[in-house]
Amino acid sequence: LGTDGYRERSGTQARSFFVSGGYAKNKDLLKITAFAGRTNNQLAYLAAPLSDIQKNPRINPLTPEETDRFEQDLVQVQYTHRLTNRASLVASGYYIRLAGGYNILFSPVLQNFAVDSDFGGGMLSYHFTSQHLTLHTGIHANTYRRDHFSAIQPNLSEKLYFNSGYKNEVS
């Protein structure tokens, strides 16, 4: 997917894919799903004075260096085993990655704001159905890590700030 955008320097280039497949046999089902997306955008969110718009309706006050770039990936594996005609057990695991950032000009420097995160977990559930009862129970555990930071372009190794966040959950 791509466009030059209406405003000057307001284009985007994006790529993605999705794949899913499965295998079934007797009492077992295995499914795998994955997708990924990448996007690069030129920024065009600031308002322009009406006098400038009257001269050039496509004017963009942001510079060509003010851009963003993000990517996200997901993979999930799910296994289902039918224990009986009334009961089944489902186990699944997943992983999601997000990374990217954007550049903003704070004259005279171009500052980069970035994020990098990982999120993964697993679920185990039991399902039972009878004439008078339906039961769904399970456990879910996950972990999340996120780094958020900023630096002056082009030297991204010297951080202006760095913040990490963590979250672990079991339910």
N, C-alpha and C. Protein backbone atom coordinates (compact mmCIF):
# COMPACT_ATOMS: atom_id res chain seq x y z
N LEU A 1 0.86 -1.16 0.00
CA LEU A 1 0.00 0.00 0.00
C LEU A 1 0.90 1.22 0.00
N GLY A 2 0.59 2.16 -0.83
CA GLY A 2 1.39 3.37 -0.85
C GLY A 2 0.60 4.53 -1.42
N THR A 3 0.96 5.72 -0.98
CA THR A 3 0.35 6.93 -1.51
C THR A 3 1.33 8.08 -1.34
N ASP A 4 1.23 9.06 -2.19
CA ASP A 4 2.01 10.28 -2.05
C ASP A 4 1.34 11.25 -1.09
N GLY A 5 0.06 11.04 -0.79
CA GLY A 5 -0.68 11.92 0.10
C GLY A 5 -1.12 13.18 -0.62
N TYR A 6 -2.11 13.86 -0.07
CA TYR A 6 -2.57 15.11 -0.66
C TYR A 6 -1.61 16.25 -0.34
N ARG A 7 -1.29 16.40 0.93
CA ARG A 7 -0.37 17.47 1.31
C ARG A 7 1.04 17.12 0.87
N GLU A 8 1.85 18.12 0.69
CA GLU A 8 3.27 17.90 0.34
C GLU A 8 3.91 17.05 1.43
N ARG A 9 4.74 16.09 1.02
CA ARG A 9 5.48 15.23 1.96
C ARG A 9 4.55 14.56 2.98
N SER A 10 3.44 13.99 2.50
CA SER A 10 2.49 13.33 3.40
C SER A 10 2.22 11.89 2.97
N GLY A 11 3.15 11.30 2.27
CA GLY A 11 2.96 9.95 1.76
C GLY A 11 3.15 8.86 2.80
N THR A 12 2.78 7.68 2.41
CA THR A 12 2.97 6.51 3.26
C THR A 12 3.32 5.31 2.40
N GLN A 13 4.12 4.45 2.95
CA GLN A 13 4.44 3.16 2.34
C GLN A 13 4.21 2.11 3.42
N ALA A 14 3.36 1.13 3.13
CA ALA A 14 3.06 0.11 4.12
C ALA A 14 3.07 -1.27 3.46
N ARG A 15 3.55 -2.24 4.22
CA ARG A 15 3.58 -3.62 3.74
C ARG A 15 3.07 -4.51 4.87
N SER A 16 2.37 -5.57 4.49
CA SER A 16 1.90 -6.49 5.50
C SER A 16 1.71 -7.87 4.88
N PHE A 17 1.68 -8.86 5.75
CA PHE A 17 1.32 -10.19 5.31
C PHE A 17 0.56 -10.89 6.41
N PHE A 18 -0.24 -11.87 6.01
CA PHE A 18 -1.02 -12.67 6.94
C PHE A 18 -0.99 -14.10 6.43
N VAL A 19 -0.76 -15.03 7.32
CA VAL A 19 -0.79 -16.44 6.96
C VAL A 19 -1.40 -17.23 8.11
N SER A 20 -2.20 -18.21 7.76
CA SER A 20 -2.82 -19.05 8.77
C SER A 20 -3.00 -20.43 8.17
N GLY A 21 -2.77 -21.43 8.98
CA GLY A 21 -2.94 -22.79 8.51
C GLY A 21 -3.24 -23.71 9.67
N GLY A 22 -3.69 -24.88 9.32
CA GLY A 22 -4.02 -25.82 10.37
C GLY A 22 -3.88 -27.25 9.91
N TYR A 23 -3.90 -28.12 10.89
CA TYR A 23 -3.83 -29.55 10.64
C TYR A 23 -4.83 -30.22 11.57
N ALA A 24 -5.70 -31.04 11.01
CA ALA A 24 -6.71 -31.72 11.82
C ALA A 24 -6.63 -33.22 11.58
N LYS A 25 -6.75 -33.96 12.68
CA LYS A 25 -6.77 -35.42 12.58
C LYS A 25 -7.49 -35.98 13.80
N ASN A 26 -8.50 -36.80 13.55
CA ASN A 26 -9.27 -37.46 14.61
C ASN A 26 -9.69 -36.47 15.69
N LYS A 27 -9.03 -36.48 16.84
CA LYS A 27 -9.40 -35.65 17.98
C LYS A 27 -8.51 -34.43 18.17
N ASP A 28 -7.63 -34.16 17.20
CA ASP A 28 -6.64 -33.09 17.38
C ASP A 28 -6.74 -32.05 16.28
N LEU A 29 -6.49 -30.80 16.66
CA LEU A 29 -6.46 -29.69 15.72
C LEU A 29 -5.29 -28.78 16.10
N LEU A 30 -4.42 -28.50 15.15
CA LEU A 30 -3.29 -27.60 15.36
C LEU A 30 -3.43 -26.44 14.38
N LYS A 31 -3.41 -25.20 14.90
CA LYS A 31 -3.53 -24.01 14.05
C LYS A 31 -2.35 -23.08 14.32
N ILE A 32 -1.85 -22.49 13.26
CA ILE A 32 -0.78 -21.49 13.35
C ILE A 32 -1.23 -20.26 12.58
N THR A 33 -1.10 -19.10 13.20
CA THR A 33 -1.47 -17.84 12.58
C THR A 33 -0.32 -16.86 12.78
N ALA A 34 0.01 -16.11 11.73
CA ALA A 34 1.07 -15.10 11.84
C ALA A 34 0.74 -13.92 10.93
N PHE A 35 1.12 -12.74 11.38
CA PHE A 35 1.06 -11.58 10.50
C PHE A 35 2.17 -10.62 10.87
N ALA A 36 2.49 -9.78 9.92
CA ALA A 36 3.50 -8.74 10.14
C ALA A 36 3.09 -7.51 9.35
N GLY A 37 3.45 -6.36 9.87
CA GLY A 37 3.17 -5.11 9.18
C GLY A 37 4.31 -4.13 9.37
N ARG A 38 4.61 -3.39 8.33
CA ARG A 38 5.65 -2.35 8.35
C ARG A 38 5.07 -1.10 7.69
N THR A 39 5.32 0.04 8.31
CA THR A 39 4.84 1.28 7.72
C THR A 39 5.88 2.39 7.88
N ASN A 40 6.02 3.19 6.86
CA ASN A 40 6.87 4.38 6.86
C ASN A 40 6.00 5.55 6.39
N ASN A 41 5.89 6.57 7.23
CA ASN A 41 5.02 7.69 6.92
C ASN A 41 5.78 9.00 6.94
N GLN A 42 5.41 9.88 6.01
CA GLN A 42 5.84 11.26 6.09
C GLN A 42 4.78 11.97 6.92
N LEU A 43 5.16 12.84 7.81
CA LEU A 43 4.21 13.46 8.73
C LEU A 43 3.63 14.75 8.15
N ALA A 44 2.34 14.95 8.43
CA ALA A 44 1.65 16.13 7.90
C ALA A 44 0.47 16.49 8.79
N TYR A 45 0.71 16.62 10.07
CA TYR A 45 -0.40 16.82 11.00
C TYR A 45 -0.53 18.25 11.52
N LEU A 46 0.43 19.11 11.25
CA LEU A 46 0.34 20.48 11.77
C LEU A 46 -0.52 21.36 10.87
N ALA A 47 -1.23 22.26 11.50
CA ALA A 47 -2.01 23.23 10.74
C ALA A 47 -1.09 24.25 10.09
N ALA A 48 -1.57 24.82 9.00
CA ALA A 48 -0.83 25.88 8.30
C ALA A 48 -1.68 27.15 8.34
N PRO A 49 -1.05 28.30 8.35
CA PRO A 49 -1.81 29.56 8.32
C PRO A 49 -2.69 29.63 7.07
N LEU A 50 -3.88 30.22 7.21
CA LEU A 50 -4.80 30.33 6.09
C LEU A 50 -4.16 31.05 4.90
N SER A 51 -3.34 32.06 5.18
CA SER A 51 -2.69 32.79 4.08
C SER A 51 -1.77 31.87 3.28
N ASP A 52 -1.09 30.92 3.95
CA ASP A 52 -0.24 29.96 3.24
C ASP A 52 -1.07 28.96 2.45
N ILE A 53 -2.19 28.53 3.02
CA ILE A 53 -3.07 27.57 2.34
C ILE A 53 -3.68 28.21 1.09
N GLN A 54 -4.00 29.50 1.17
CA GLN A 54 -4.57 30.17 0.00
C GLN A 54 -3.55 30.25 -1.13
N LYS A 55 -2.27 30.34 -0.81
CA LYS A 55 -1.22 30.34 -1.83
C LYS A 55 -0.95 28.94 -2.35
N ASN A 56 -0.98 27.93 -1.43
CA ASN A 56 -0.68 26.55 -1.79
C ASN A 56 -1.54 25.62 -0.92
N PRO A 57 -2.67 25.10 -1.45
CA PRO A 57 -3.56 24.27 -0.63
C PRO A 57 -2.92 22.97 -0.12
N ARG A 58 -1.80 22.57 -0.70
CA ARG A 58 -1.14 21.32 -0.30
C ARG A 58 0.04 21.56 0.65
N ILE A 59 0.19 22.77 1.14
CA ILE A 59 1.36 23.11 1.96
C ILE A 59 1.44 22.23 3.22
N ASN A 60 2.63 21.87 3.58
CA ASN A 60 2.91 21.09 4.78
C ASN A 60 4.05 21.78 5.52
N PRO A 61 3.81 22.33 6.71
CA PRO A 61 4.87 23.05 7.42
C PRO A 61 5.95 22.14 8.00
N LEU A 62 5.73 20.82 8.00
CA LEU A 62 6.75 19.92 8.50
C LEU A 62 7.82 19.66 7.44
N THR A 63 9.00 19.30 7.88
CA THR A 63 10.14 19.09 6.98
C THR A 63 10.15 17.65 6.46
N PRO A 64 10.90 17.38 5.40
CA PRO A 64 10.99 16.00 4.88
C PRO A 64 11.59 15.02 5.89
N GLU A 65 12.36 15.51 6.86
CA GLU A 65 12.98 14.62 7.84
C GLU A 65 12.01 14.17 8.93
N GLU A 66 10.86 14.84 9.05
CA GLU A 66 9.89 14.49 10.08
C GLU A 66 9.02 13.33 9.57
N THR A 67 9.37 12.15 10.03
CA THR A 67 8.75 10.91 9.55
C THR A 67 8.50 9.97 10.73
N ASP A 68 7.76 8.92 10.45
CA ASP A 68 7.67 7.85 11.44
C ASP A 68 7.82 6.50 10.74
N ARG A 69 8.18 5.51 11.53
CA ARG A 69 8.37 4.14 11.05
C ARG A 69 7.96 3.21 12.17
N PHE A 70 7.06 2.28 11.87
CA PHE A 70 6.63 1.31 12.87
C PHE A 70 6.52 -0.07 12.24
N GLU A 71 6.68 -1.08 13.07
CA GLU A 71 6.52 -2.46 12.63
C GLU A 71 5.91 -3.27 13.76
N GLN A 72 5.08 -4.25 13.38
CA GLN A 72 4.45 -5.12 14.36
C GLN A 72 4.36 -6.52 13.79
N ASP A 73 4.65 -7.52 14.63
CA ASP A 73 4.59 -8.92 14.24
C ASP A 73 3.80 -9.69 15.29
N LEU A 74 3.07 -10.70 14.84
CA LEU A 74 2.34 -11.57 15.74
C LEU A 74 2.44 -12.99 15.23
N VAL A 75 2.64 -13.93 16.14
CA VAL A 75 2.55 -15.35 15.81
C VAL A 75 1.80 -16.03 16.95
N GLN A 76 0.89 -16.94 16.58
CA GLN A 76 0.12 -17.68 17.57
C GLN A 76 0.02 -19.13 17.12
N VAL A 77 0.20 -20.03 18.08
CA VAL A 77 0.03 -21.46 17.85
C VAL A 77 -1.05 -21.94 18.81
N GLN A 78 -2.02 -22.70 18.28
CA GLN A 78 -3.11 -23.19 19.12
C GLN A 78 -3.33 -24.68 18.85
N TYR A 79 -3.42 -25.43 19.91
CA TYR A 79 -3.63 -26.88 19.82
C TYR A 79 -4.90 -27.23 20.60
N THR A 80 -5.81 -27.94 19.95
CA THR A 80 -7.04 -28.39 20.58
C THR A 80 -7.09 -29.91 20.55
N HIS A 81 -7.42 -30.49 21.69
CA HIS A 81 -7.57 -31.95 21.79
C HIS A 81 -8.96 -32.24 22.36
N ARG A 82 -9.74 -33.00 21.62
CA ARG A 82 -11.07 -33.39 22.07
C ARG A 82 -10.91 -34.61 22.97
N LEU A 83 -11.19 -34.43 24.25
CA LEU A 83 -11.06 -35.51 25.23
C LEU A 83 -12.21 -36.51 25.09
N THR A 84 -13.43 -35.97 24.98
CA THR A 84 -14.64 -36.77 24.76
C THR A 84 -15.53 -35.96 23.84
N ASN A 85 -16.72 -36.46 23.58
CA ASN A 85 -17.67 -35.69 22.77
C ASN A 85 -18.15 -34.44 23.50
N ARG A 86 -17.94 -34.39 24.81
CA ARG A 86 -18.42 -33.26 25.60
C ARG A 86 -17.30 -32.39 26.17
N ALA A 87 -16.07 -32.83 26.06
CA ALA A 87 -14.97 -32.10 26.71
C ALA A 87 -13.78 -31.93 25.76
N SER A 88 -13.15 -30.78 25.89
CA SER A 88 -11.94 -30.52 25.09
C SER A 88 -10.95 -29.69 25.90
N LEU A 89 -9.70 -29.79 25.49
CA LEU A 89 -8.60 -29.06 26.11
C LEU A 89 -7.94 -28.25 25.01
N VAL A 90 -7.68 -26.96 25.30
CA VAL A 90 -7.07 -26.06 24.31
C VAL A 90 -5.84 -25.42 24.93
N ALA A 91 -4.72 -25.49 24.23
CA ALA A 91 -3.49 -24.83 24.66
C ALA A 91 -3.04 -23.90 23.54
N SER A 92 -2.64 -22.70 23.90
CA SER A 92 -2.16 -21.77 22.87
C SER A 92 -1.04 -20.90 23.44
N GLY A 93 -0.18 -20.47 22.56
CA GLY A 93 0.89 -19.56 22.89
C GLY A 93 0.95 -18.47 21.84
N TYR A 94 1.38 -17.28 22.25
CA TYR A 94 1.44 -16.16 21.31
C TYR A 94 2.63 -15.26 21.65
N TYR A 95 3.05 -14.53 20.63
CA TYR A 95 4.13 -13.55 20.79
C TYR A 95 3.84 -12.38 19.88
N ILE A 96 3.95 -11.17 20.43
CA ILE A 96 3.74 -9.94 19.66
C ILE A 96 4.94 -9.03 19.87
N ARG A 97 5.45 -8.49 18.78
CA ARG A 97 6.57 -7.54 18.85
C ARG A 97 6.15 -6.25 18.16
N LEU A 98 6.48 -5.13 18.79
CA LEU A 98 6.21 -3.81 18.23
C LEU A 98 7.48 -2.98 18.38
N ALA A 99 7.86 -2.29 17.31
CA ALA A 99 9.03 -1.41 17.36
C ALA A 99 8.82 -0.27 16.38
N GLY A 100 9.44 0.85 16.69
CA GLY A 100 9.36 1.97 15.77
C GLY A 100 9.56 3.28 16.48
N GLY A 101 9.31 4.34 15.74
CA GLY A 101 9.46 5.66 16.32
C GLY A 101 9.19 6.74 15.29
N TYR A 102 9.35 7.95 15.73
CA TYR A 102 9.13 9.08 14.84
C TYR A 102 10.17 10.17 15.11
N ASN A 103 10.42 10.97 14.08
CA ASN A 103 11.37 12.08 14.14
C ASN A 103 10.61 13.39 14.09
N ILE A 104 10.93 14.29 15.02
CA ILE A 104 10.32 15.62 15.07
C ILE A 104 11.44 16.66 15.15
N LEU A 105 11.30 17.71 14.36
CA LEU A 105 12.28 18.78 14.35
C LEU A 105 11.98 19.77 15.47
N PHE A 106 12.90 19.88 16.42
CA PHE A 106 12.90 20.94 17.42
C PHE A 106 14.14 21.78 17.07
N SER A 107 13.93 22.71 16.16
CA SER A 107 15.03 23.43 15.54
C SER A 107 16.06 23.88 16.57
N PRO A 108 17.31 23.59 16.38
CA PRO A 108 17.93 23.09 15.15
C PRO A 108 18.14 21.57 15.13
N VAL A 109 17.60 20.82 16.10
CA VAL A 109 17.89 19.38 16.14
C VAL A 109 16.66 18.56 15.75
N LEU A 110 16.95 17.40 15.17
CA LEU A 110 15.92 16.43 14.82
C LEU A 110 15.91 15.37 15.91
N GLN A 111 14.82 15.31 16.67
CA GLN A 111 14.74 14.38 17.80
C GLN A 111 13.93 13.15 17.41
N ASN A 112 14.43 12.00 17.83
CA ASN A 112 13.78 10.72 17.57
C ASN A 112 13.15 10.22 18.86
N PHE A 113 11.89 9.82 18.80
CA PHE A 113 11.18 9.19 19.90
C PHE A 113 10.87 7.76 19.47
N ALA A 114 11.24 6.77 20.27
CA ALA A 114 11.12 5.39 19.83
C ALA A 114 10.54 4.50 20.92
N VAL A 115 10.02 3.36 20.47
CA VAL A 115 9.47 2.35 21.37
C VAL A 115 9.86 0.98 20.84
N ASP A 116 10.07 0.06 21.77
CA ASP A 116 10.40 -1.32 21.42
C ASP A 116 9.74 -2.20 22.47
N SER A 117 8.88 -3.13 22.07
CA SER A 117 8.18 -3.93 23.07
C SER A 117 8.03 -5.37 22.63
N ASP A 118 7.91 -6.23 23.64
CA ASP A 118 7.67 -7.65 23.45
C ASP A 118 6.53 -8.06 24.37
N PHE A 119 5.62 -8.84 23.85
CA PHE A 119 4.47 -9.31 24.62
C PHE A 119 4.22 -10.76 24.24
N GLY A 120 4.25 -11.64 25.21
CA GLY A 120 4.04 -13.04 24.92
C GLY A 120 3.35 -13.74 26.06
N GLY A 121 2.70 -14.84 25.73
CA GLY A 121 2.03 -15.57 26.78
C GLY A 121 1.44 -16.86 26.28
N GLY A 122 0.71 -17.49 27.18
CA GLY A 122 0.07 -18.74 26.85
C GLY A 122 -1.22 -18.92 27.63
N MET A 123 -2.09 -19.75 27.07
CA MET A 123 -3.38 -20.04 27.70
C MET A 123 -3.61 -21.55 27.65
N LEU A 124 -4.23 -22.03 28.69
CA LEU A 124 -4.65 -23.42 28.75
C LEU A 124 -6.10 -23.40 29.24
N SER A 125 -7.01 -23.99 28.47
CA SER A 125 -8.41 -23.96 28.87
C SER A 125 -9.06 -25.33 28.69
N TYR A 126 -10.07 -25.53 29.51
CA TYR A 126 -10.84 -26.78 29.51
C TYR A 126 -12.30 -26.41 29.27
N HIS A 127 -12.96 -27.14 28.37
CA HIS A 127 -14.35 -26.87 28.02
C HIS A 127 -15.15 -28.15 28.18
N PHE A 128 -16.29 -28.03 28.87
CA PHE A 128 -17.15 -29.18 29.08
C PHE A 128 -18.60 -28.75 28.88
N THR A 129 -19.37 -29.55 28.16
CA THR A 129 -20.78 -29.27 27.93
C THR A 129 -21.58 -30.54 28.14
N SER A 130 -22.63 -30.41 28.93
CA SER A 130 -23.58 -31.51 29.09
C SER A 130 -24.98 -30.94 28.89
N GLN A 131 -25.99 -31.77 29.12
CA GLN A 131 -27.36 -31.33 28.90
C GLN A 131 -27.72 -30.16 29.81
N HIS A 132 -27.19 -30.14 31.04
CA HIS A 132 -27.58 -29.12 32.01
C HIS A 132 -26.43 -28.20 32.45
N LEU A 133 -25.23 -28.41 31.91
CA LEU A 133 -24.08 -27.66 32.41
C LEU A 133 -23.12 -27.34 31.27
N THR A 134 -22.64 -26.11 31.28
CA THR A 134 -21.54 -25.71 30.39
C THR A 134 -20.46 -25.11 31.27
N LEU A 135 -19.25 -25.61 31.13
CA LEU A 135 -18.14 -25.16 31.95
C LEU A 135 -16.97 -24.76 31.05
N HIS A 136 -16.48 -23.55 31.27
CA HIS A 136 -15.27 -23.07 30.60
C HIS A 136 -14.33 -22.57 31.69
N THR A 137 -13.15 -23.13 31.78
CA THR A 137 -12.20 -22.71 32.79
C THR A 137 -10.79 -22.75 32.19
N GLY A 138 -9.89 -22.01 32.78
CA GLY A 138 -8.54 -22.03 32.24
C GLY A 138 -7.60 -21.13 32.99
N ILE A 139 -6.41 -21.05 32.47
CA ILE A 139 -5.37 -20.20 33.04
C ILE A 139 -4.68 -19.46 31.88
N HIS A 140 -4.33 -18.22 32.16
CA HIS A 140 -3.64 -17.38 31.16
C HIS A 140 -2.47 -16.71 31.86
N ALA A 141 -1.31 -16.78 31.27
CA ALA A 141 -0.13 -16.11 31.81
C ALA A 141 0.56 -15.36 30.67
N ASN A 142 1.04 -14.15 30.97
CA ASN A 142 1.76 -13.39 29.95
C ASN A 142 2.81 -12.50 30.58
N THR A 143 3.70 -12.04 29.74
CA THR A 143 4.73 -11.10 30.16
C THR A 143 4.84 -10.01 29.10
N TYR A 144 5.09 -8.80 29.57
CA TYR A 144 5.19 -7.64 28.67
C TYR A 144 6.40 -6.82 29.07
N ARG A 145 7.17 -6.38 28.08
CA ARG A 145 8.32 -5.51 28.29
C ARG A 145 8.27 -4.40 27.25
N ARG A 146 8.47 -3.16 27.69
CA ARG A 146 8.47 -2.04 26.77
C ARG A 146 9.60 -1.09 27.12
N ASP A 147 10.36 -0.71 26.12
CA ASP A 147 11.38 0.33 26.26
C ASP A 147 10.92 1.54 25.45
N HIS A 148 11.01 2.70 26.06
CA HIS A 148 10.66 3.96 25.40
C HIS A 148 11.85 4.89 25.58
N PHE A 149 12.30 5.52 24.50
CA PHE A 149 13.50 6.34 24.60
C PHE A 149 13.51 7.42 23.54
N SER A 150 14.44 8.34 23.69
CA SER A 150 14.59 9.43 22.75
C SER A 150 16.08 9.75 22.58
N ALA A 151 16.41 10.23 21.38
CA ALA A 151 17.78 10.60 21.07
C ALA A 151 17.76 11.67 19.98
N ILE A 152 18.89 12.31 19.80
CA ILE A 152 19.04 13.32 18.74
C ILE A 152 19.61 12.64 17.50
N GLN A 153 18.97 12.85 16.35
CA GLN A 153 19.47 12.30 15.09
C GLN A 153 20.77 12.98 14.71
N PRO A 154 21.74 12.34 14.15
CA PRO A 154 21.75 10.95 13.71
C PRO A 154 22.33 9.99 14.76
N ASN A 155 22.75 10.49 15.91
CA ASN A 155 23.42 9.64 16.90
C ASN A 155 22.39 9.03 17.86
N LEU A 156 21.74 7.95 17.44
CA LEU A 156 20.69 7.34 18.25
C LEU A 156 21.22 6.53 19.42
N SER A 157 22.53 6.30 19.47
CA SER A 157 23.08 5.52 20.58
C SER A 157 23.20 6.35 21.86
N GLU A 158 23.21 7.66 21.77
CA GLU A 158 23.27 8.52 22.95
C GLU A 158 21.85 8.97 23.30
N LYS A 159 21.25 8.31 24.28
CA LYS A 159 19.85 8.54 24.64
C LYS A 159 19.68 9.79 25.50
N LEU A 160 18.65 10.56 25.21
CA LEU A 160 18.27 11.69 26.06
C LEU A 160 17.54 11.17 27.30
N TYR A 161 16.75 10.14 27.11
CA TYR A 161 16.12 9.45 28.23
C TYR A 161 15.83 8.02 27.80
N PHE A 162 15.66 7.16 28.78
CA PHE A 162 15.37 5.75 28.54
C PHE A 162 14.46 5.28 29.66
N ASN A 163 13.34 4.68 29.30
CA ASN A 163 12.38 4.20 30.28
C ASN A 163 11.96 2.79 29.91
N SER A 164 11.98 1.88 30.88
CA SER A 164 11.53 0.51 30.66
C SER A 164 10.32 0.23 31.53
N GLY A 165 9.39 -0.51 30.98
CA GLY A 165 8.23 -0.95 31.73
C GLY A 165 8.07 -2.45 31.60
N TYR A 166 7.62 -3.07 32.67
CA TYR A 166 7.44 -4.52 32.70
C TYR A 166 6.10 -4.83 33.34
N LYS A 167 5.46 -5.89 32.85
CA LYS A 167 4.24 -6.36 33.46
C LYS A 167 4.16 -7.86 33.26
N ASN A 168 3.93 -8.59 34.32
CA ASN A 168 3.72 -10.03 34.27
C ASN A 168 2.38 -10.29 34.91
N GLU A 169 1.59 -11.19 34.29
CA GLU A 169 0.26 -11.44 34.78
C GLU A 169 -0.10 -12.91 34.67
N VAL A 170 -0.80 -13.39 35.66
CA VAL A 170 -1.37 -14.73 35.63
C VAL A 170 -2.82 -14.59 36.08
N SER A 171 -3.73 -15.14 35.31
CA SER A 171 -5.15 -15.06 35.68
C SER A 171 -5.85 -16.36 35.34
